[in-house]
Amino acid sequence: MKLMVEIDGQTVELRDAVWVAYRPCGCACSVMDADWGDGEVFATEDQARREWYPLKKDRDRSIKQGYRLELVTFRHYRQHIDILASCDVCKPKVAAA
């Protein structure tokens, strides 16, 4: 069975999509496959957020702090998103970690 999703008007298999997490400043900070190929899938933002933050208090805090998730195609991720890049706002925090 193929799970399909629509991303930016294009229908793609869920296995060809990834969830990208963004800091409040807009920098991408993490990425996760939407379909791990073992039956575990993350087709909705809620499912992805629960995987990243198993505790409700952590999910709520991430939303309150302005972290957001976006489902993109793997191709878009590889061509346009650099999770190692940091803006001037978060660069000092990333370097200190």
C-alpha atoms as a PDB file:
ATOM      1  CA  MET A   1       0.000   0.000   0.000  1.00  0.00           C
ATOM      2  CA  LYS A   2       1.268   3.466  -0.894  1.00  0.00           C
ATOM      3  CA  LEU A   3       0.418   6.402   1.339  1.00  0.00           C
ATOM      4  CA  MET A   4       0.131   9.579  -0.672  1.00  0.00           C
ATOM      5  CA  VAL A   5       0.266  13.208   0.483  1.00  0.00           C
ATOM      6  CA  GLU A   6      -0.126  16.522  -1.260  1.00  0.00           C
ATOM      7  CA  ILE A   7       2.716  18.999  -0.817  1.00  0.00           C
ATOM      8  CA  ASP A   8       2.564  22.354  -2.580  1.00  0.00           C
ATOM      9  CA  GLY A   9      -0.049  21.043  -5.013  1.00  0.00           C
ATOM     10  CA  GLN A  10       2.007  17.973  -5.895  1.00  0.00           C
ATOM     11  CA  THR A  11       0.933  14.447  -4.912  1.00  0.00           C
ATOM     12  CA  VAL A  12       3.881  12.360  -3.678  1.00  0.00           C
ATOM     13  CA  GLU A  13       4.373   9.154  -1.744  1.00  0.00           C
ATOM     14  CA  LEU A  14       4.764   9.740   1.970  1.00  0.00           C
ATOM     15  CA  ARG A  15       8.046   7.814   1.830  1.00  0.00           C
ATOM     16  CA  ASP A  16       9.392  10.639  -0.383  1.00  0.00           C
ATOM     17  CA  ALA A  17       8.646  13.302   2.246  1.00  0.00           C
ATOM     18  CA  VAL A  18      10.371  14.556   5.384  1.00  0.00           C
ATOM     19  CA  TRP A  19       9.342  16.707   8.318  1.00  0.00           C
ATOM     20  CA  VAL A  20      11.565  19.718   8.939  1.00  0.00           C
ATOM     21  CA  ALA A  21      11.595  21.432  12.331  1.00  0.00           C
ATOM     22  CA  TYR A  22      12.269  25.172  12.414  1.00  0.00           C
ATOM     23  CA  ARG A  23      13.456  27.327  15.304  1.00  0.00           C
ATOM     24  CA  PRO A  24      11.445  30.454  16.148  1.00  0.00           C
ATOM     25  CA  CYS A  25      13.975  32.521  14.137  1.00  0.00           C
ATOM     26  CA  GLY A  26      13.176  30.461  11.019  1.00  0.00           C
ATOM     27  CA  CYS A  27      16.338  28.327  10.865  1.00  0.00           C
ATOM     28  CA  ALA A  28      15.826  24.638  10.164  1.00  0.00           C
ATOM     29  CA  CYS A  29      17.140  22.627  13.102  1.00  0.00           C
ATOM     30  CA  SER A  30      16.092  19.007  12.560  1.00  0.00           C
ATOM     31  CA  VAL A  31      14.667  16.648   9.968  1.00  0.00           C
ATOM     32  CA  MET A  32      12.813  13.325  10.159  1.00  0.00           C
ATOM     33  CA  ASP A  33      11.568  10.899   7.511  1.00  0.00           C
ATOM     34  CA  ALA A  34       7.777  10.866   7.268  1.00  0.00           C
ATOM     35  CA  ASP A  35       7.780   7.111   6.545  1.00  0.00           C
ATOM     36  CA  TRP A  36      10.480   4.967   8.096  1.00  0.00           C
ATOM     37  CA  GLY A  37       9.600   1.990   5.898  1.00  0.00           C
ATOM     38  CA  ASP A  38       8.833  -0.243   8.873  1.00  0.00           C
ATOM     39  CA  GLY A  39       5.142   0.576   9.173  1.00  0.00           C
ATOM     40  CA  GLU A  40       5.712   3.608  11.385  1.00  0.00           C
ATOM     41  CA  VAL A  41       4.553   6.727   9.561  1.00  0.00           C
ATOM     42  CA  PHE A  42       4.152  10.383  10.446  1.00  0.00           C
ATOM     43  CA  ALA A  43       1.546  11.699   8.037  1.00  0.00           C
ATOM     44  CA  THR A  44       0.307  14.613  10.152  1.00  0.00           C
ATOM     45  CA  GLU A  45       2.009  17.423  12.004  1.00  0.00           C
ATOM     46  CA  ASP A  46       0.591  16.087  15.264  1.00  0.00           C
ATOM     47  CA  GLN A  47       2.102  12.633  14.640  1.00  0.00           C
ATOM     48  CA  ALA A  48       5.487  14.171  13.827  1.00  0.00           C
ATOM     49  CA  ARG A  49       5.423  16.472  16.855  1.00  0.00           C
ATOM     50  CA  ARG A  50       4.542  13.528  19.124  1.00  0.00           C
ATOM     51  CA  GLU A  51       7.572  11.644  17.791  1.00  0.00           C
ATOM     52  CA  TRP A  52       9.888  14.604  18.433  1.00  0.00           C
ATOM     53  CA  TYR A  53       8.305  15.466  21.775  1.00  0.00           C
ATOM     54  CA  PRO A  54       6.762  12.392  23.465  1.00  0.00           C
ATOM     55  CA  LEU A  55       5.641  14.425  26.509  1.00  0.00           C
ATOM     56  CA  LYS A  56       2.657  16.735  26.085  1.00  0.00           C
ATOM     57  CA  LYS A  57       4.304  19.451  28.183  1.00  0.00           C
ATOM     58  CA  ASP A  58       7.265  19.449  25.772  1.00  0.00           C
ATOM     59  CA  ARG A  59       4.967  19.612  22.728  1.00  0.00           C
ATOM     60  CA  ASP A  60       3.060  22.506  24.256  1.00  0.00           C
ATOM     61  CA  ARG A  61       6.291  24.322  25.133  1.00  0.00           C
ATOM     62  CA  SER A  62       7.689  23.891  21.617  1.00  0.00           C
ATOM     63  CA  ILE A  63       4.522  25.406  20.141  1.00  0.00           C
ATOM     64  CA  LYS A  64       4.520  28.260  22.661  1.00  0.00           C
ATOM     65  CA  GLN A  65       8.185  29.004  21.919  1.00  0.00           C
ATOM     66  CA  GLY A  66       7.441  29.189  18.199  1.00  0.00           C
ATOM     67  CA  TYR A  67       8.987  25.984  16.880  1.00  0.00           C
ATOM     68  CA  ARG A  68       7.155  24.812  13.771  1.00  0.00           C
ATOM     69  CA  LEU A  69       7.116  21.730  11.566  1.00  0.00           C
ATOM     70  CA  GLU A  70       6.747  21.556   7.817  1.00  0.00           C
ATOM     71  CA  LEU A  71       6.260  18.551   5.537  1.00  0.00           C
ATOM     72  CA  VAL A  72       8.387  18.880   2.390  1.00  0.00           C
ATOM     73  CA  THR A  73       9.520  16.542  -0.326  1.00  0.00           C
ATOM     74  CA  PHE A  74      12.897  14.920   0.191  1.00  0.00           C
ATOM     75  CA  ARG A  75      14.026  16.525  -3.046  1.00  0.00           C
ATOM     76  CA  HIS A  76      13.066  20.011  -1.791  1.00  0.00           C
ATOM     77  CA  TYR A  77      14.874  19.326   1.476  1.00  0.00           C
ATOM     78  CA  ARG A  78      18.081  18.257  -0.292  1.00  0.00           C
ATOM     79  CA  GLN A  79      18.017  21.222  -2.673  1.00  0.00           C
ATOM     80  CA  HIS A  80      16.876  24.070  -0.420  1.00  0.00           C
ATOM     81  CA  ILE A  81      17.225  23.362   3.294  1.00  0.00           C
ATOM     82  CA  ASP A  82      20.456  23.347   5.269  1.00  0.00           C
ATOM     83  CA  ILE A  83      19.974  22.294   8.892  1.00  0.00           C
ATOM     84  CA  LEU A  84      23.610  23.117   9.614  1.00  0.00           C
ATOM     85  CA  ALA A  85      23.177  26.768   8.647  1.00  0.00           C
ATOM     86  CA  SER A  86      22.425  29.226  11.417  1.00  0.00           C
ATOM     87  CA  CYS A  87      21.300  32.820  11.342  1.00  0.00           C
ATOM     88  CA  ASP A  88      22.899  35.564  13.458  1.00  0.00           C
ATOM     89  CA  VAL A  89      20.194  35.086  16.097  1.00  0.00           C
ATOM     90  CA  CYS A  90      20.763  31.393  16.795  1.00  0.00           C
ATOM     91  CA  LYS A  91      24.423  30.987  15.713  1.00  0.00           C
ATOM     92  CA  PRO A  92      25.804  31.842  19.195  1.00  0.00           C
ATOM     93  CA  LYS A  93      23.376  29.366  20.814  1.00  0.00           C
ATOM     94  CA  VAL A  94      24.295  26.585  18.366  1.00  0.00           C
ATOM     95  CA  ALA A  95      28.024  27.204  18.837  1.00  0.00           C
ATOM     96  CA  ALA A  96      27.654  27.070  22.615  1.00  0.00           C
ATOM     97  CA  ALA A  97      25.764  23.757  22.579  1.00  0.00           C
END
